[in-house]
N, C-alpha and C. Protein backbone atom coordinates (compact mmCIF):
# COMPACT_ATOMS: atom_id res chain seq x y z
N MET A 1 50.54 -8.03 59.00
CA MET A 1 49.63 -8.63 58.05
C MET A 1 50.42 -9.63 57.21
N THR A 2 49.92 -10.84 57.10
CA THR A 2 50.60 -11.87 56.33
C THR A 2 50.39 -11.63 54.84
N ALA A 3 51.22 -12.31 54.04
CA ALA A 3 51.11 -12.16 52.59
C ALA A 3 49.75 -12.63 52.11
N SER A 4 49.26 -13.75 52.65
CA SER A 4 47.97 -14.26 52.21
C SER A 4 46.84 -13.33 52.62
N SER A 5 46.95 -12.72 53.80
CA SER A 5 45.94 -11.76 54.25
C SER A 5 45.96 -10.53 53.34
N ALA A 6 47.13 -10.07 52.98
CA ALA A 6 47.26 -8.92 52.08
C ALA A 6 46.68 -9.26 50.71
N GLU A 7 46.93 -10.48 50.24
CA GLU A 7 46.39 -10.91 48.94
C GLU A 7 44.87 -10.97 49.00
N ASN A 8 44.32 -11.49 50.10
CA ASN A 8 42.87 -11.56 50.25
C ASN A 8 42.25 -10.16 50.23
N ARG A 9 42.86 -9.24 50.95
CA ARG A 9 42.34 -7.87 50.97
C ARG A 9 42.42 -7.24 49.57
N GLU A 10 43.49 -7.55 48.85
CA GLU A 10 43.63 -7.03 47.49
C GLU A 10 42.53 -7.60 46.58
N ARG A 11 42.28 -8.90 46.71
CA ARG A 11 41.21 -9.53 45.90
C ARG A 11 39.85 -8.94 46.24
N ILE A 12 39.61 -8.73 47.52
CA ILE A 12 38.33 -8.16 47.93
C ILE A 12 38.22 -6.71 47.46
N GLY A 13 39.33 -6.00 47.47
CA GLY A 13 39.34 -4.63 46.93
C GLY A 13 38.98 -4.61 45.46
N GLN A 14 39.55 -5.54 44.71
CA GLN A 14 39.22 -5.66 43.29
C GLN A 14 37.76 -6.04 43.10
N LEU A 15 37.30 -6.99 43.90
CA LEU A 15 35.91 -7.43 43.85
C LEU A 15 35.00 -6.22 44.12
N PHE A 16 35.36 -5.41 45.10
CA PHE A 16 34.59 -4.22 45.44
C PHE A 16 34.55 -3.24 44.27
N LYS A 17 35.73 -2.93 43.71
CA LYS A 17 35.81 -1.97 42.61
C LYS A 17 34.98 -2.41 41.41
N LEU A 18 35.03 -3.71 41.12
CA LEU A 18 34.32 -4.23 39.94
C LEU A 18 32.81 -4.39 40.15
N ASN A 19 32.37 -4.55 41.39
CA ASN A 19 30.99 -4.96 41.61
C ASN A 19 30.15 -4.07 42.52
N TYR A 20 30.74 -3.11 43.20
CA TYR A 20 29.97 -2.32 44.16
C TYR A 20 28.82 -1.57 43.49
N GLN A 21 29.11 -0.83 42.44
CA GLN A 21 28.06 -0.06 41.76
C GLN A 21 26.98 -0.99 41.19
N TRP A 22 27.43 -2.10 40.62
CA TRP A 22 26.47 -3.08 40.09
C TRP A 22 25.56 -3.59 41.21
N LEU A 23 26.15 -3.92 42.36
CA LEU A 23 25.36 -4.45 43.47
C LEU A 23 24.41 -3.37 44.01
N CYS A 24 24.87 -2.15 44.13
CA CYS A 24 23.99 -1.05 44.58
C CYS A 24 22.79 -0.92 43.66
N ALA A 25 23.02 -0.95 42.36
CA ALA A 25 21.92 -0.83 41.39
C ALA A 25 20.96 -2.01 41.52
N ARG A 26 21.51 -3.19 41.69
CA ARG A 26 20.68 -4.40 41.82
C ARG A 26 19.81 -4.33 43.08
N VAL A 27 20.40 -3.94 44.19
CA VAL A 27 19.65 -3.85 45.45
C VAL A 27 18.66 -2.69 45.38
N ARG A 28 19.07 -1.57 44.81
CA ARG A 28 18.20 -0.39 44.70
C ARG A 28 16.92 -0.72 43.93
N SER A 29 17.01 -1.61 42.95
CA SER A 29 15.83 -1.98 42.17
C SER A 29 14.80 -2.74 43.01
N ARG A 30 15.21 -3.26 44.14
CA ARG A 30 14.31 -4.03 45.00
C ARG A 30 13.93 -3.28 46.27
N MET A 31 14.50 -2.09 46.47
CA MET A 31 14.23 -1.33 47.69
C MET A 31 13.76 0.07 47.32
N ASP A 32 13.08 0.71 48.28
CA ASP A 32 12.57 2.06 48.05
C ASP A 32 13.63 3.13 48.28
N CYS A 33 14.58 2.85 49.13
CA CYS A 33 15.53 3.87 49.56
C CYS A 33 16.93 3.60 49.00
N PRO A 34 17.48 4.55 48.23
CA PRO A 34 18.83 4.33 47.69
C PRO A 34 19.90 4.25 48.77
N HIS A 35 19.69 4.95 49.89
CA HIS A 35 20.67 4.91 50.98
C HIS A 35 20.68 3.52 51.63
N SER A 36 19.51 2.91 51.76
CA SER A 36 19.44 1.55 52.30
C SER A 36 20.13 0.58 51.36
N ALA A 37 19.99 0.80 50.07
CA ALA A 37 20.64 -0.07 49.09
C ALA A 37 22.16 0.01 49.24
N GLU A 38 22.67 1.22 49.45
CA GLU A 38 24.11 1.38 49.65
C GLU A 38 24.56 0.72 50.95
N ASP A 39 23.74 0.82 51.98
CA ASP A 39 24.06 0.16 53.26
C ASP A 39 24.11 -1.35 53.08
N ILE A 40 23.15 -1.90 52.35
CA ILE A 40 23.11 -3.35 52.11
C ILE A 40 24.35 -3.77 51.32
N ALA A 41 24.69 -3.00 50.30
CA ALA A 41 25.86 -3.34 49.49
C ALA A 41 27.13 -3.29 50.33
N ALA A 42 27.26 -2.26 51.16
CA ALA A 42 28.45 -2.14 52.02
C ALA A 42 28.50 -3.30 53.02
N GLU A 43 27.37 -3.63 53.62
CA GLU A 43 27.33 -4.75 54.57
C GLU A 43 27.65 -6.07 53.87
N THR A 44 27.25 -6.20 52.63
CA THR A 44 27.57 -7.41 51.86
C THR A 44 29.08 -7.58 51.76
N PHE A 45 29.76 -6.52 51.41
CA PHE A 45 31.22 -6.60 51.30
C PHE A 45 31.88 -6.79 52.66
N ALA A 46 31.29 -6.24 53.69
CA ALA A 46 31.83 -6.46 55.04
C ALA A 46 31.74 -7.95 55.39
N ARG A 47 30.66 -8.60 54.98
CA ARG A 47 30.53 -10.04 55.24
C ARG A 47 31.51 -10.84 54.41
N VAL A 48 31.76 -10.37 53.19
CA VAL A 48 32.76 -11.06 52.35
C VAL A 48 34.13 -10.98 53.01
N LEU A 49 34.43 -9.87 53.66
CA LEU A 49 35.71 -9.72 54.35
C LEU A 49 35.94 -10.79 55.41
N THR A 50 34.87 -11.31 55.99
CA THR A 50 34.99 -12.31 57.05
C THR A 50 35.14 -13.72 56.49
N MET A 51 35.02 -13.88 55.19
CA MET A 51 35.13 -15.21 54.58
C MET A 51 36.60 -15.59 54.44
N PRO A 52 36.88 -16.89 54.58
CA PRO A 52 38.27 -17.33 54.62
C PRO A 52 39.06 -17.19 53.32
N ASP A 53 38.45 -17.47 52.17
CA ASP A 53 39.22 -17.48 50.93
C ASP A 53 38.45 -16.86 49.78
N PRO A 54 38.56 -15.54 49.61
CA PRO A 54 37.80 -14.89 48.53
C PRO A 54 38.23 -15.34 47.13
N ALA A 55 39.39 -15.93 47.00
CA ALA A 55 39.84 -16.40 45.69
C ALA A 55 39.05 -17.63 45.25
N ALA A 56 38.40 -18.28 46.19
CA ALA A 56 37.67 -19.51 45.88
C ALA A 56 36.30 -19.23 45.25
N PHE A 57 35.87 -18.00 45.19
CA PHE A 57 34.56 -17.68 44.63
C PHE A 57 34.61 -17.82 43.12
N ARG A 58 33.84 -18.76 42.61
CA ARG A 58 33.79 -18.96 41.17
C ARG A 58 32.86 -17.95 40.50
N GLU A 59 31.76 -17.65 41.18
CA GLU A 59 30.76 -16.71 40.66
C GLU A 59 30.56 -15.59 41.69
N PRO A 60 31.44 -14.60 41.70
CA PRO A 60 31.36 -13.58 42.74
C PRO A 60 30.04 -12.81 42.75
N ARG A 61 29.47 -12.53 41.59
CA ARG A 61 28.21 -11.78 41.57
C ARG A 61 27.06 -12.60 42.14
N ALA A 62 27.09 -13.90 41.91
CA ALA A 62 26.06 -14.75 42.50
C ALA A 62 26.18 -14.75 44.02
N LEU A 63 27.41 -14.83 44.51
CA LEU A 63 27.65 -14.79 45.95
C LEU A 63 27.19 -13.45 46.53
N LEU A 64 27.59 -12.35 45.90
CA LEU A 64 27.21 -11.02 46.38
C LEU A 64 25.69 -10.85 46.37
N SER A 65 25.04 -11.33 45.32
CA SER A 65 23.58 -11.24 45.23
C SER A 65 22.91 -12.03 46.35
N THR A 66 23.43 -13.21 46.62
CA THR A 66 22.85 -14.05 47.67
C THR A 66 23.00 -13.40 49.04
N ILE A 67 24.17 -12.89 49.33
CA ILE A 67 24.40 -12.24 50.62
C ILE A 67 23.50 -11.01 50.74
N ALA A 68 23.44 -10.20 49.69
CA ALA A 68 22.62 -8.98 49.72
C ALA A 68 21.14 -9.34 49.90
N GLN A 69 20.70 -10.38 49.21
CA GLN A 69 19.30 -10.80 49.34
C GLN A 69 18.99 -11.21 50.77
N ARG A 70 19.88 -11.95 51.38
CA ARG A 70 19.67 -12.36 52.78
C ARG A 70 19.64 -11.15 53.71
N LEU A 71 20.49 -10.18 53.45
CA LEU A 71 20.49 -8.96 54.26
C LEU A 71 19.18 -8.18 54.09
N MET A 72 18.67 -8.14 52.86
CA MET A 72 17.39 -7.47 52.64
C MET A 72 16.28 -8.19 53.40
N TYR A 73 16.27 -9.53 53.32
CA TYR A 73 15.25 -10.30 54.04
C TYR A 73 15.33 -10.05 55.54
N GLU A 74 16.55 -10.01 56.07
CA GLU A 74 16.72 -9.74 57.50
C GLU A 74 16.14 -8.37 57.85
N GLY A 75 16.40 -7.39 57.02
CA GLY A 75 15.86 -6.05 57.26
C GLY A 75 14.35 -6.02 57.21
N TRP A 76 13.79 -6.70 56.21
CA TRP A 76 12.33 -6.73 56.09
C TRP A 76 11.70 -7.46 57.27
N ARG A 77 12.34 -8.55 57.69
CA ARG A 77 11.82 -9.29 58.84
C ARG A 77 11.88 -8.43 60.11
N ARG A 78 12.97 -7.72 60.28
CA ARG A 78 13.10 -6.84 61.45
C ARG A 78 12.00 -5.77 61.41
N ARG A 79 11.79 -5.18 60.24
CA ARG A 79 10.76 -4.15 60.10
C ARG A 79 9.37 -4.73 60.42
N ASP A 80 9.08 -5.92 59.88
CA ASP A 80 7.78 -6.54 60.12
C ASP A 80 7.59 -6.88 61.60
N LEU A 81 8.64 -7.40 62.24
CA LEU A 81 8.54 -7.69 63.67
C LEU A 81 8.36 -6.41 64.48
N SER A 82 9.06 -5.36 64.11
CA SER A 82 8.91 -4.09 64.82
C SER A 82 7.50 -3.55 64.68
N ARG A 83 6.95 -3.63 63.48
CA ARG A 83 5.57 -3.18 63.26
C ARG A 83 4.59 -3.99 64.08
N ALA A 84 4.76 -5.30 64.07
CA ALA A 84 3.86 -6.17 64.84
C ALA A 84 3.96 -5.85 66.33
N TYR A 85 5.17 -5.62 66.80
CA TYR A 85 5.37 -5.28 68.21
C TYR A 85 4.68 -3.96 68.53
N LEU A 86 4.90 -2.94 67.69
CA LEU A 86 4.29 -1.64 67.95
C LEU A 86 2.76 -1.71 67.88
N GLN A 87 2.25 -2.54 66.99
CA GLN A 87 0.81 -2.72 66.91
C GLN A 87 0.29 -3.40 68.18
N ALA A 88 1.02 -4.38 68.68
CA ALA A 88 0.61 -5.04 69.92
C ALA A 88 0.67 -4.06 71.09
N MET A 89 1.62 -3.15 71.06
CA MET A 89 1.77 -2.17 72.14
C MET A 89 0.56 -1.22 72.19
N GLN A 90 -0.12 -1.03 71.07
CA GLN A 90 -1.28 -0.15 71.06
C GLN A 90 -2.42 -0.71 71.90
N ASN A 91 -2.43 -2.02 72.12
CA ASN A 91 -3.48 -2.67 72.89
C ASN A 91 -3.19 -2.70 74.38
N ILE A 92 -2.04 -2.19 74.78
CA ILE A 92 -1.63 -2.21 76.19
C ILE A 92 -1.75 -0.80 76.74
N PRO A 93 -2.29 -0.64 77.95
CA PRO A 93 -2.37 0.70 78.53
C PRO A 93 -0.99 1.36 78.60
N GLU A 94 -0.97 2.65 78.38
CA GLU A 94 0.31 3.38 78.30
C GLU A 94 1.14 3.26 79.57
N LEU A 95 0.49 3.13 80.71
CA LEU A 95 1.22 2.99 81.97
C LEU A 95 2.05 1.71 82.02
N LEU A 96 1.65 0.72 81.26
CA LEU A 96 2.36 -0.56 81.26
C LEU A 96 3.39 -0.68 80.14
N HIS A 97 3.52 0.35 79.31
CA HIS A 97 4.48 0.31 78.21
C HIS A 97 5.91 0.22 78.76
N PRO A 98 6.73 -0.63 78.17
CA PRO A 98 8.13 -0.69 78.59
C PRO A 98 8.88 0.57 78.15
N SER A 99 10.00 0.81 78.78
CA SER A 99 10.85 1.96 78.42
C SER A 99 11.41 1.74 77.01
N PRO A 100 11.93 2.79 76.37
CA PRO A 100 12.53 2.61 75.04
C PRO A 100 13.64 1.56 75.03
N GLU A 101 14.44 1.51 76.10
CA GLU A 101 15.52 0.51 76.17
C GLU A 101 14.94 -0.90 76.22
N GLU A 102 13.88 -1.06 77.03
CA GLU A 102 13.22 -2.37 77.12
C GLU A 102 12.57 -2.74 75.81
N GLN A 103 12.00 -1.76 75.12
CA GLN A 103 11.39 -2.03 73.82
C GLN A 103 12.43 -2.53 72.83
N LEU A 104 13.59 -1.88 72.82
CA LEU A 104 14.67 -2.30 71.93
C LEU A 104 15.11 -3.73 72.26
N MET A 105 15.24 -4.01 73.56
CA MET A 105 15.64 -5.36 73.96
C MET A 105 14.58 -6.39 73.55
N LEU A 106 13.32 -6.04 73.66
CA LEU A 106 12.25 -6.95 73.26
C LEU A 106 12.28 -7.21 71.76
N ILE A 107 12.46 -6.15 70.99
CA ILE A 107 12.52 -6.32 69.53
C ILE A 107 13.73 -7.16 69.14
N GLU A 108 14.87 -6.92 69.77
CA GLU A 108 16.07 -7.73 69.49
C GLU A 108 15.85 -9.18 69.88
N SER A 109 15.14 -9.40 70.99
CA SER A 109 14.83 -10.78 71.41
C SER A 109 13.92 -11.45 70.40
N LEU A 110 12.92 -10.71 69.91
CA LEU A 110 12.03 -11.26 68.89
C LEU A 110 12.80 -11.62 67.63
N MET A 111 13.75 -10.75 67.25
CA MET A 111 14.58 -11.04 66.07
C MET A 111 15.42 -12.29 66.29
N ALA A 112 15.97 -12.44 67.48
CA ALA A 112 16.79 -13.62 67.79
C ALA A 112 15.95 -14.88 67.73
N ILE A 113 14.74 -14.82 68.27
CA ILE A 113 13.84 -15.98 68.22
C ILE A 113 13.47 -16.29 66.79
N ASP A 114 13.17 -15.25 66.01
CA ASP A 114 12.81 -15.46 64.61
C ASP A 114 13.96 -16.10 63.84
N GLN A 115 15.17 -15.63 64.09
CA GLN A 115 16.34 -16.19 63.42
C GLN A 115 16.60 -17.62 63.88
N LEU A 116 16.38 -17.87 65.15
CA LEU A 116 16.54 -19.20 65.70
C LEU A 116 15.60 -20.20 65.03
N LEU A 117 14.40 -19.73 64.73
CA LEU A 117 13.38 -20.61 64.14
C LEU A 117 13.34 -20.51 62.62
N ASP A 118 14.37 -19.91 62.05
CA ASP A 118 14.44 -19.76 60.60
C ASP A 118 14.32 -21.13 59.93
N GLY A 119 13.52 -21.20 58.92
CA GLY A 119 13.33 -22.46 58.20
C GLY A 119 12.02 -23.14 58.56
N LEU A 120 11.43 -22.74 59.67
CA LEU A 120 10.13 -23.30 60.04
C LEU A 120 9.02 -22.53 59.33
N THR A 121 7.88 -23.18 59.16
CA THR A 121 6.74 -22.49 58.59
C THR A 121 6.24 -21.45 59.60
N SER A 122 5.47 -20.50 59.11
CA SER A 122 4.95 -19.47 60.02
C SER A 122 4.03 -20.10 61.06
N GLN A 123 3.31 -21.15 60.70
CA GLN A 123 2.43 -21.78 61.67
C GLN A 123 3.24 -22.51 62.75
N ALA A 124 4.34 -23.13 62.37
CA ALA A 124 5.19 -23.79 63.37
C ALA A 124 5.78 -22.75 64.33
N LYS A 125 6.19 -21.59 63.80
CA LYS A 125 6.69 -20.52 64.66
C LYS A 125 5.60 -20.05 65.61
N THR A 126 4.38 -19.91 65.09
CA THR A 126 3.26 -19.47 65.91
C THR A 126 3.00 -20.43 67.05
N VAL A 127 3.04 -21.73 66.75
CA VAL A 127 2.83 -22.75 67.78
C VAL A 127 3.89 -22.61 68.87
N PHE A 128 5.14 -22.47 68.47
CA PHE A 128 6.23 -22.34 69.43
C PHE A 128 6.04 -21.10 70.32
N ILE A 129 5.72 -19.97 69.70
CA ILE A 129 5.55 -18.73 70.45
C ILE A 129 4.35 -18.82 71.39
N LEU A 130 3.25 -19.38 70.90
CA LEU A 130 2.08 -19.52 71.77
C LEU A 130 2.38 -20.38 72.99
N ASN A 131 3.17 -21.42 72.80
CA ASN A 131 3.49 -22.31 73.91
C ASN A 131 4.58 -21.73 74.81
N GLN A 132 5.68 -21.31 74.23
CA GLN A 132 6.84 -20.92 75.02
C GLN A 132 6.78 -19.50 75.56
N ILE A 133 6.14 -18.59 74.83
CA ILE A 133 6.12 -17.21 75.27
C ILE A 133 4.79 -16.86 75.95
N GLU A 134 3.69 -17.29 75.32
CA GLU A 134 2.40 -16.97 75.91
C GLU A 134 1.94 -18.03 76.92
N GLY A 135 2.62 -19.16 76.95
CA GLY A 135 2.33 -20.18 77.96
C GLY A 135 1.07 -20.99 77.72
N LEU A 136 0.58 -21.00 76.48
CA LEU A 136 -0.63 -21.77 76.20
C LEU A 136 -0.33 -23.26 76.16
N PRO A 137 -1.21 -24.07 76.73
CA PRO A 137 -1.04 -25.52 76.61
C PRO A 137 -1.39 -25.97 75.19
N TYR A 138 -0.92 -27.15 74.84
CA TYR A 138 -1.13 -27.66 73.49
C TYR A 138 -2.62 -27.68 73.12
N SER A 139 -3.49 -28.05 74.05
CA SER A 139 -4.92 -28.14 73.74
C SER A 139 -5.50 -26.78 73.34
N ARG A 140 -5.07 -25.71 74.01
CA ARG A 140 -5.55 -24.36 73.66
C ARG A 140 -4.99 -23.92 72.31
N ILE A 141 -3.75 -24.32 72.03
CA ILE A 141 -3.16 -23.99 70.72
C ILE A 141 -3.96 -24.67 69.62
N CYS A 142 -4.34 -25.92 69.84
CA CYS A 142 -5.17 -26.65 68.86
C CYS A 142 -6.45 -25.88 68.58
N GLU A 143 -7.12 -25.46 69.64
CA GLU A 143 -8.37 -24.72 69.50
C GLU A 143 -8.16 -23.40 68.78
N GLN A 144 -7.15 -22.66 69.19
CA GLN A 144 -6.92 -21.33 68.65
C GLN A 144 -6.54 -21.36 67.17
N LEU A 145 -5.72 -22.33 66.78
CA LEU A 145 -5.24 -22.39 65.39
C LEU A 145 -6.05 -23.35 64.52
N GLY A 146 -6.90 -24.14 65.14
CA GLY A 146 -7.71 -25.09 64.37
C GLY A 146 -6.88 -26.21 63.78
N ILE A 147 -5.90 -26.69 64.54
CA ILE A 147 -5.06 -27.80 64.07
C ILE A 147 -5.12 -28.94 65.09
N SER A 148 -4.66 -30.10 64.68
CA SER A 148 -4.73 -31.27 65.55
C SER A 148 -3.61 -31.25 66.59
N LEU A 149 -3.81 -32.04 67.63
CA LEU A 149 -2.80 -32.18 68.68
C LEU A 149 -1.50 -32.76 68.11
N GLY A 150 -1.62 -33.70 67.20
CA GLY A 150 -0.44 -34.28 66.56
C GLY A 150 0.36 -33.25 65.79
N THR A 151 -0.34 -32.33 65.13
CA THR A 151 0.34 -31.27 64.38
C THR A 151 1.08 -30.34 65.34
N VAL A 152 0.46 -30.02 66.47
CA VAL A 152 1.12 -29.18 67.47
C VAL A 152 2.39 -29.87 67.97
N HIS A 153 2.30 -31.16 68.24
CA HIS A 153 3.48 -31.92 68.69
C HIS A 153 4.58 -31.88 67.63
N THR A 154 4.19 -32.08 66.38
CA THR A 154 5.16 -32.07 65.28
C THR A 154 5.85 -30.71 65.19
N TYR A 155 5.06 -29.63 65.24
CA TYR A 155 5.64 -28.29 65.15
C TYR A 155 6.56 -27.99 66.33
N MET A 156 6.15 -28.38 67.52
CA MET A 156 6.99 -28.14 68.69
C MET A 156 8.29 -28.94 68.59
N THR A 157 8.22 -30.16 68.09
CA THR A 157 9.43 -30.96 67.91
C THR A 157 10.37 -30.27 66.93
N GLN A 158 9.83 -29.76 65.83
CA GLN A 158 10.65 -29.06 64.84
C GLN A 158 11.30 -27.82 65.46
N ALA A 159 10.50 -27.05 66.19
CA ALA A 159 11.02 -25.81 66.79
C ALA A 159 12.09 -26.11 67.84
N LEU A 160 11.84 -27.09 68.67
CA LEU A 160 12.83 -27.43 69.70
C LEU A 160 14.11 -27.98 69.08
N ARG A 161 13.97 -28.70 67.98
CA ARG A 161 15.15 -29.19 67.27
C ARG A 161 15.99 -28.01 66.78
N CYS A 162 15.35 -26.95 66.27
CA CYS A 162 16.08 -25.75 65.85
C CYS A 162 16.83 -25.14 67.03
N CYS A 163 16.17 -25.09 68.17
CA CYS A 163 16.80 -24.52 69.37
C CYS A 163 18.02 -25.35 69.79
N TYR A 164 17.87 -26.65 69.80
CA TYR A 164 18.97 -27.52 70.22
C TYR A 164 20.15 -27.43 69.26
N GLN A 165 19.87 -27.28 67.97
CA GLN A 165 20.95 -27.18 66.99
C GLN A 165 21.81 -25.94 67.25
N VAL A 166 21.19 -24.87 67.66
CA VAL A 166 21.93 -23.63 67.96
C VAL A 166 22.85 -23.86 69.14
N PHE A 167 22.35 -24.54 70.17
CA PHE A 167 23.15 -24.77 71.38
C PHE A 167 24.26 -25.78 71.14
N GLU A 168 24.09 -26.69 70.18
CA GLU A 168 25.12 -27.69 69.90
C GLU A 168 26.27 -27.11 69.10
N SER A 169 26.00 -26.06 68.32
CA SER A 169 27.06 -25.51 67.46
C SER A 169 27.90 -24.48 68.17
């Protein structure tokens, strides 16, 4: 371990000692489960460990709050996607239900798509999913969502731009 790596770990250790309980309390106030709050706080510090220079943080609590908030949003989005998936599964005959492993892979794929399209409006995401996953042509999407063909083109352009940005990085 290099001196700078040891110093970084020491700084993060200090950051943890000074802020872990505070962060747990802050997250707990926004969540129902105290154990989930502790998990979010621990994951927040794990993400801080991957950052290059913890000494550069001018406002550590603001950084910790931002990371924790993003982790909470990711959890809520995963939960909402899982619920939507399970609700959709109720409409499919039981014989056609995927195995538990396939269900997990499907939910993870949905999460990846959702993360890929992060920043788009929910309607733009819907347009992308209707076209790319359900295979609907633009004209049917217009009818189903009550939007113009130009709007569908705009949303698809935005969604595809998000996809290309991921592949370029």
